[in-house]
């Protein structure tokens, strides 16, 4: 049942914007809890990289006195990867198009993250 609810949250998130291409909920140790990823993306790689980036982001924020980490944003020529905490044990990772309107997407990600927290 929990997996169905998490999938529903991801479906709703992906449906909020045509600019969102994929999303996943990943445990802090890199295991995929739920995902809506294209077949061309390897879930294990997405999970491991997201967990590593979140961990590194948390360390950077702490070491450089930036406060508690809110998001990690990676921008590439083909789009963005946005990672945000979804409670103490998970990360929400979202892949967006290069021309995405990030303000709206950040808001949608925050809502999804808040919906995920009580489920974990």
N, C-alpha and C. Protein backbone atom coordinates (compact mmCIF):
# COMPACT_ATOMS: atom_id res chain seq x y z
N UNK A 1 0.82 -1.20 0.00
CA UNK A 1 0.00 0.00 0.00
C UNK A 1 0.87 1.26 0.00
N UNK A 2 1.94 1.26 0.80
CA UNK A 2 2.82 2.43 0.85
C UNK A 2 3.41 2.72 -0.52
N UNK A 3 3.80 1.67 -1.22
CA UNK A 3 4.38 1.84 -2.56
C UNK A 3 3.37 2.46 -3.51
N UNK A 4 2.11 2.07 -3.40
CA UNK A 4 1.06 2.65 -4.25
C UNK A 4 0.90 4.14 -3.98
N UNK A 5 0.94 4.53 -2.72
CA UNK A 5 0.79 5.94 -2.35
C UNK A 5 1.99 6.73 -2.87
N UNK A 6 3.20 6.19 -2.71
CA UNK A 6 4.40 6.88 -3.20
C UNK A 6 4.35 7.02 -4.72
N UNK A 7 3.92 5.98 -5.41
CA UNK A 7 3.77 6.06 -6.87
C UNK A 7 2.74 7.11 -7.26
N UNK A 8 1.67 7.21 -6.49
CA UNK A 8 0.63 8.20 -6.74
C UNK A 8 1.18 9.62 -6.57
N UNK A 9 2.00 9.83 -5.56
CA UNK A 9 2.61 11.15 -5.33
C UNK A 9 3.52 11.51 -6.51
N UNK A 10 4.31 10.55 -6.98
CA UNK A 10 5.19 10.80 -8.12
C UNK A 10 4.38 11.07 -9.39
N UNK A 11 3.33 10.31 -9.60
CA UNK A 11 2.47 10.52 -10.78
C UNK A 11 1.88 11.91 -10.78
N UNK A 12 1.40 12.33 -9.61
CA UNK A 12 0.82 13.67 -9.50
C UNK A 12 1.89 14.74 -9.75
N UNK A 13 3.08 14.55 -9.19
CA UNK A 13 4.18 15.49 -9.40
C UNK A 13 4.53 15.58 -10.88
N UNK A 14 4.72 14.44 -11.53
CA UNK A 14 5.08 14.43 -12.95
C UNK A 14 3.99 15.05 -13.81
N UNK A 15 2.75 14.95 -13.37
CA UNK A 15 1.64 15.50 -14.13
C UNK A 15 1.45 17.00 -13.96
N UNK A 16 2.13 17.60 -12.97
CA UNK A 16 1.96 19.03 -12.73
C UNK A 16 2.62 19.89 -13.79
N UNK A 17 3.63 19.34 -14.48
CA UNK A 17 4.35 20.13 -15.48
C UNK A 17 4.87 19.23 -16.58
N UNK A 18 4.73 19.68 -17.81
CA UNK A 18 5.29 18.93 -18.94
C UNK A 18 6.81 18.99 -18.93
N UNK A 19 7.38 19.89 -18.13
CA UNK A 19 8.83 20.03 -18.04
C UNK A 19 9.48 18.96 -17.16
N UNK A 20 8.68 18.29 -16.33
CA UNK A 20 9.21 17.21 -15.48
C UNK A 20 9.22 15.93 -16.30
N UNK A 21 10.41 15.36 -16.47
CA UNK A 21 10.57 14.17 -17.30
C UNK A 21 10.60 12.87 -16.50
N UNK A 22 11.06 12.94 -15.25
CA UNK A 22 11.18 11.73 -14.44
C UNK A 22 11.31 12.12 -12.98
N UNK A 23 11.00 11.17 -12.10
CA UNK A 23 11.17 11.41 -10.67
C UNK A 23 11.33 10.09 -9.94
N UNK A 24 11.93 10.20 -8.75
CA UNK A 24 12.15 9.00 -7.95
C UNK A 24 12.26 9.38 -6.48
N UNK A 25 11.84 8.46 -5.62
CA UNK A 25 12.03 8.59 -4.18
C UNK A 25 13.08 7.54 -3.82
N UNK A 26 14.14 8.02 -3.18
CA UNK A 26 15.31 7.18 -2.95
C UNK A 26 15.68 7.22 -1.47
N UNK A 27 15.98 6.08 -0.89
CA UNK A 27 16.43 6.08 0.50
C UNK A 27 17.81 6.73 0.58
N UNK A 28 18.18 7.20 1.77
CA UNK A 28 19.46 7.89 1.91
C UNK A 28 20.65 6.97 1.65
N UNK A 29 20.42 5.67 1.64
CA UNK A 29 21.51 4.75 1.29
C UNK A 29 21.47 4.35 -0.18
N UNK A 30 20.61 4.98 -0.98
CA UNK A 30 20.64 4.82 -2.43
C UNK A 30 19.69 3.80 -3.02
N UNK A 31 18.78 3.27 -2.24
CA UNK A 31 17.83 2.29 -2.76
C UNK A 31 16.56 2.98 -3.24
N UNK A 32 16.11 2.60 -4.43
CA UNK A 32 14.89 3.18 -5.00
C UNK A 32 13.68 2.67 -4.22
N UNK A 33 12.89 3.61 -3.71
CA UNK A 33 11.66 3.25 -3.00
C UNK A 33 10.47 3.29 -3.94
N UNK A 34 10.51 4.24 -4.87
CA UNK A 34 9.47 4.39 -5.88
C UNK A 34 10.05 5.24 -7.00
N UNK A 35 9.65 4.95 -8.23
CA UNK A 35 10.20 5.76 -9.33
C UNK A 35 9.28 5.77 -10.54
N UNK A 36 9.39 6.86 -11.27
CA UNK A 36 8.78 6.99 -12.59
C UNK A 36 9.90 7.45 -13.51
N UNK A 37 10.74 6.51 -13.88
CA UNK A 37 11.91 6.79 -14.71
C UNK A 37 11.73 6.16 -16.09
N UNK A 38 12.30 6.79 -17.11
CA UNK A 38 12.27 6.16 -18.43
C UNK A 38 13.06 4.85 -18.42
N UNK A 39 12.71 3.96 -19.31
CA UNK A 39 13.39 2.66 -19.38
C UNK A 39 14.88 2.81 -19.62
N UNK A 40 15.28 3.91 -20.24
CA UNK A 40 16.70 4.11 -20.55
C UNK A 40 17.54 4.47 -19.33
N UNK A 41 16.90 4.81 -18.21
CA UNK A 41 17.63 5.16 -16.98
C UNK A 41 17.72 3.95 -16.07
N UNK A 42 18.91 3.68 -15.60
CA UNK A 42 19.16 2.58 -14.68
C UNK A 42 18.81 3.03 -13.27
N UNK A 43 17.81 2.39 -12.66
CA UNK A 43 17.36 2.77 -11.32
C UNK A 43 18.49 2.72 -10.30
N UNK A 44 19.34 1.71 -10.38
CA UNK A 44 20.43 1.57 -9.41
C UNK A 44 21.39 2.75 -9.49
N UNK A 45 21.71 3.18 -10.71
CA UNK A 45 22.62 4.32 -10.88
C UNK A 45 21.97 5.61 -10.39
N UNK A 46 20.71 5.81 -10.71
CA UNK A 46 20.00 7.01 -10.27
C UNK A 46 19.98 7.05 -8.74
N UNK A 47 19.68 5.93 -8.13
CA UNK A 47 19.63 5.85 -6.67
C UNK A 47 20.97 6.15 -6.02
N UNK A 48 22.01 5.51 -6.51
CA UNK A 48 23.34 5.69 -5.93
C UNK A 48 23.84 7.13 -6.10
N UNK A 49 23.66 7.67 -7.30
CA UNK A 49 24.14 9.04 -7.55
C UNK A 49 23.35 10.06 -6.75
N UNK A 50 22.06 9.89 -6.64
CA UNK A 50 21.24 10.84 -5.88
C UNK A 50 21.62 10.82 -4.40
N UNK A 51 21.80 9.65 -3.84
CA UNK A 51 22.18 9.55 -2.43
C UNK A 51 23.56 10.17 -2.20
N UNK A 52 24.49 9.94 -3.12
CA UNK A 52 25.83 10.50 -2.99
C UNK A 52 25.80 12.02 -3.08
N UNK A 53 25.04 12.56 -4.02
CA UNK A 53 24.97 14.01 -4.18
C UNK A 53 24.30 14.66 -2.97
N UNK A 54 23.26 14.06 -2.44
CA UNK A 54 22.59 14.62 -1.28
C UNK A 54 23.54 14.63 -0.09
N UNK A 55 24.26 13.55 0.11
CA UNK A 55 25.22 13.46 1.20
C UNK A 55 26.31 14.53 1.07
N UNK A 56 26.85 14.68 -0.14
CA UNK A 56 27.86 15.69 -0.38
C UNK A 56 27.29 17.10 -0.19
N UNK A 57 26.09 17.34 -0.67
CA UNK A 57 25.45 18.63 -0.48
C UNK A 57 25.27 18.98 0.99
N UNK A 58 24.85 17.99 1.78
CA UNK A 58 24.69 18.22 3.21
C UNK A 58 26.02 18.59 3.86
N UNK A 59 27.06 17.90 3.46
CA UNK A 59 28.39 18.19 4.02
C UNK A 59 28.86 19.59 3.62
N UNK A 60 28.68 19.95 2.37
CA UNK A 60 29.08 21.27 1.89
C UNK A 60 28.32 22.36 2.64
N UNK A 61 27.00 22.21 2.76
CA UNK A 61 26.19 23.21 3.46
C UNK A 61 26.67 23.38 4.90
N UNK A 62 26.99 22.27 5.54
CA UNK A 62 27.46 22.33 6.93
C UNK A 62 28.84 22.96 7.02
N UNK A 63 29.78 22.49 6.21
CA UNK A 63 31.16 22.98 6.28
C UNK A 63 31.28 24.45 5.89
N UNK A 64 30.42 24.93 5.00
CA UNK A 64 30.49 26.32 4.55
C UNK A 64 29.47 27.21 5.26
N UNK A 65 28.93 26.69 6.37
CA UNK A 65 28.01 27.43 7.23
C UNK A 65 26.83 28.02 6.46
N UNK A 66 26.19 27.19 5.62
CA UNK A 66 25.03 27.62 4.84
C UNK A 66 23.73 27.15 5.45
N UNK A 67 23.77 26.54 6.61
CA UNK A 67 22.56 26.06 7.25
C UNK A 67 22.18 24.67 6.75
N UNK A 68 20.99 24.26 7.10
CA UNK A 68 20.50 22.94 6.72
C UNK A 68 20.24 22.89 5.21
N UNK A 69 20.69 21.83 4.57
CA UNK A 69 20.52 21.67 3.12
C UNK A 69 19.05 21.59 2.75
N UNK A 70 18.66 22.33 1.72
CA UNK A 70 17.29 22.28 1.22
C UNK A 70 17.22 21.56 -0.12
N UNK A 71 18.16 21.88 -1.02
CA UNK A 71 18.13 21.28 -2.36
C UNK A 71 19.53 21.16 -2.92
N UNK A 72 19.67 20.22 -3.83
CA UNK A 72 20.86 20.12 -4.68
C UNK A 72 20.36 20.25 -6.10
N UNK A 73 20.96 21.16 -6.86
CA UNK A 73 20.55 21.41 -8.24
C UNK A 73 21.74 21.15 -9.15
N UNK A 74 21.55 20.28 -10.13
CA UNK A 74 22.57 20.00 -11.13
C UNK A 74 22.01 20.43 -12.47
N UNK A 75 22.74 21.30 -13.15
CA UNK A 75 22.29 21.78 -14.46
C UNK A 75 23.23 21.23 -15.52
N UNK A 76 22.65 20.58 -16.51
CA UNK A 76 23.40 20.09 -17.66
C UNK A 76 22.84 20.69 -18.93
N UNK A 77 23.50 20.46 -20.02
CA UNK A 77 23.06 21.02 -21.31
C UNK A 77 21.66 20.53 -21.69
N UNK A 78 21.27 19.35 -21.22
CA UNK A 78 19.98 18.78 -21.59
C UNK A 78 18.92 18.91 -20.51
N UNK A 79 19.26 19.57 -19.41
CA UNK A 79 18.24 19.75 -18.37
C UNK A 79 18.81 19.76 -16.97
N UNK A 80 17.90 19.62 -16.01
CA UNK A 80 18.23 19.73 -14.60
C UNK A 80 17.94 18.43 -13.86
N UNK A 81 18.68 18.23 -12.77
CA UNK A 81 18.34 17.23 -11.77
C UNK A 81 18.22 18.01 -10.47
N UNK A 82 17.09 17.89 -9.82
CA UNK A 82 16.84 18.59 -8.56
C UNK A 82 16.59 17.54 -7.50
N UNK A 83 17.37 17.61 -6.43
CA UNK A 83 17.22 16.67 -5.33
C UNK A 83 16.88 17.44 -4.06
N UNK A 84 15.92 16.94 -3.33
CA UNK A 84 15.53 17.56 -2.07
C UNK A 84 15.21 16.47 -1.05
N UNK A 85 15.42 16.80 0.19
CA UNK A 85 15.14 15.86 1.25
C UNK A 85 13.64 15.59 1.32
N UNK A 86 13.31 14.34 1.59
CA UNK A 86 11.91 13.94 1.80
C UNK A 86 11.85 13.22 3.14
N UNK A 87 12.12 13.96 4.19
CA UNK A 87 12.24 13.38 5.52
C UNK A 87 13.69 13.02 5.78
N UNK A 88 13.93 12.43 6.93
CA UNK A 88 15.32 12.14 7.31
C UNK A 88 15.88 10.90 6.62
N UNK A 89 15.02 10.10 5.99
CA UNK A 89 15.47 8.84 5.42
C UNK A 89 15.34 8.72 3.91
N UNK A 90 14.97 9.82 3.23
CA UNK A 90 14.74 9.71 1.79
C UNK A 90 15.04 11.02 1.08
N UNK A 91 15.25 10.89 -0.22
CA UNK A 91 15.47 12.04 -1.10
C UNK A 91 14.52 11.92 -2.29
N UNK A 92 13.99 13.06 -2.71
CA UNK A 92 13.16 13.12 -3.90
C UNK A 92 14.04 13.69 -5.01
N UNK A 93 14.20 12.94 -6.07
CA UNK A 93 15.03 13.35 -7.20
C UNK A 93 14.13 13.55 -8.42
N UNK A 94 14.25 14.73 -9.06
CA UNK A 94 13.39 15.09 -10.18
C UNK A 94 14.25 15.53 -11.36
N UNK A 95 13.98 15.00 -12.54
CA UNK A 95 14.68 15.38 -13.76
C UNK A 95 13.76 16.26 -14.60
N UNK A 96 14.29 17.41 -15.04
CA UNK A 96 13.50 18.40 -15.78
C UNK A 96 14.19 18.78 -17.08
N UNK A 97 13.39 19.30 -17.99
CA UNK A 97 13.90 19.78 -19.28
C UNK A 97 14.76 21.03 -19.08
N UNK A 98 15.60 21.32 -20.06
CA UNK A 98 16.52 22.46 -19.98
C UNK A 98 15.79 23.80 -19.91
N UNK A 99 14.63 23.90 -20.53
CA UNK A 99 13.90 25.17 -20.54
C UNK A 99 12.79 25.21 -19.49
N UNK A 100 12.90 24.38 -18.48
CA UNK A 100 11.87 24.28 -17.44
C UNK A 100 11.74 25.58 -16.65
N UNK A 101 10.51 25.88 -16.25
CA UNK A 101 10.26 27.01 -15.37
C UNK A 101 10.45 26.53 -13.93
N UNK A 102 11.63 26.79 -13.41
CA UNK A 102 12.03 26.20 -12.14
C UNK A 102 11.23 26.68 -10.94
N UNK A 103 10.77 27.92 -10.95
CA UNK A 103 10.01 28.42 -9.81
C UNK A 103 8.80 27.57 -9.51
N UNK A 104 8.03 27.26 -10.51
CA UNK A 104 6.84 26.42 -10.34
C UNK A 104 7.22 24.99 -9.97
N UNK A 105 8.29 24.50 -10.58
CA UNK A 105 8.72 23.13 -10.29
C UNK A 105 9.21 23.01 -8.85
N UNK A 106 9.95 24.02 -8.35
CA UNK A 106 10.39 24.00 -6.95
C UNK A 106 9.19 23.91 -6.01
N UNK A 107 8.14 24.65 -6.32
CA UNK A 107 6.94 24.63 -5.50
C UNK A 107 6.29 23.24 -5.52
N UNK A 108 6.19 22.64 -6.71
CA UNK A 108 5.61 21.30 -6.83
C UNK A 108 6.46 20.26 -6.11
N UNK A 109 7.77 20.40 -6.20
CA UNK A 109 8.67 19.47 -5.51
C UNK A 109 8.50 19.58 -4.00
N UNK A 110 8.37 20.81 -3.50
CA UNK A 110 8.19 21.00 -2.06
C UNK A 110 6.90 20.34 -1.59
N UNK A 111 5.83 20.52 -2.35
CA UNK A 111 4.55 19.88 -2.00
C UNK A 111 4.67 18.36 -1.98
N UNK A 112 5.32 17.81 -3.01
CA UNK A 112 5.49 16.35 -3.08
C UNK A 112 6.34 15.86 -1.91
N UNK A 113 7.40 16.58 -1.61
CA UNK A 113 8.27 16.20 -0.49
C UNK A 113 7.50 16.16 0.82
N UNK A 114 6.66 17.16 1.04
CA UNK A 114 5.85 17.20 2.26
C UNK A 114 4.85 16.04 2.31
N UNK A 115 4.33 15.63 1.16
CA UNK A 115 3.40 14.50 1.11
C UNK A 115 4.12 13.17 1.36
N UNK A 116 5.39 13.11 0.98
CA UNK A 116 6.17 11.86 1.14
C UNK A 116 6.56 11.64 2.60
N UNK A 117 6.92 12.69 3.31
CA UNK A 117 7.45 12.57 4.67
C UNK A 117 6.62 11.70 5.60
N UNK A 118 5.30 11.88 5.69
CA UNK A 118 4.54 11.03 6.62
C UNK A 118 4.44 9.56 6.18
N UNK A 119 4.76 9.29 4.93
CA UNK A 119 4.66 7.91 4.42
C UNK A 119 5.89 7.07 4.79
N UNK A 120 6.96 7.72 5.24
CA UNK A 120 8.21 6.99 5.49
C UNK A 120 8.49 6.82 6.96
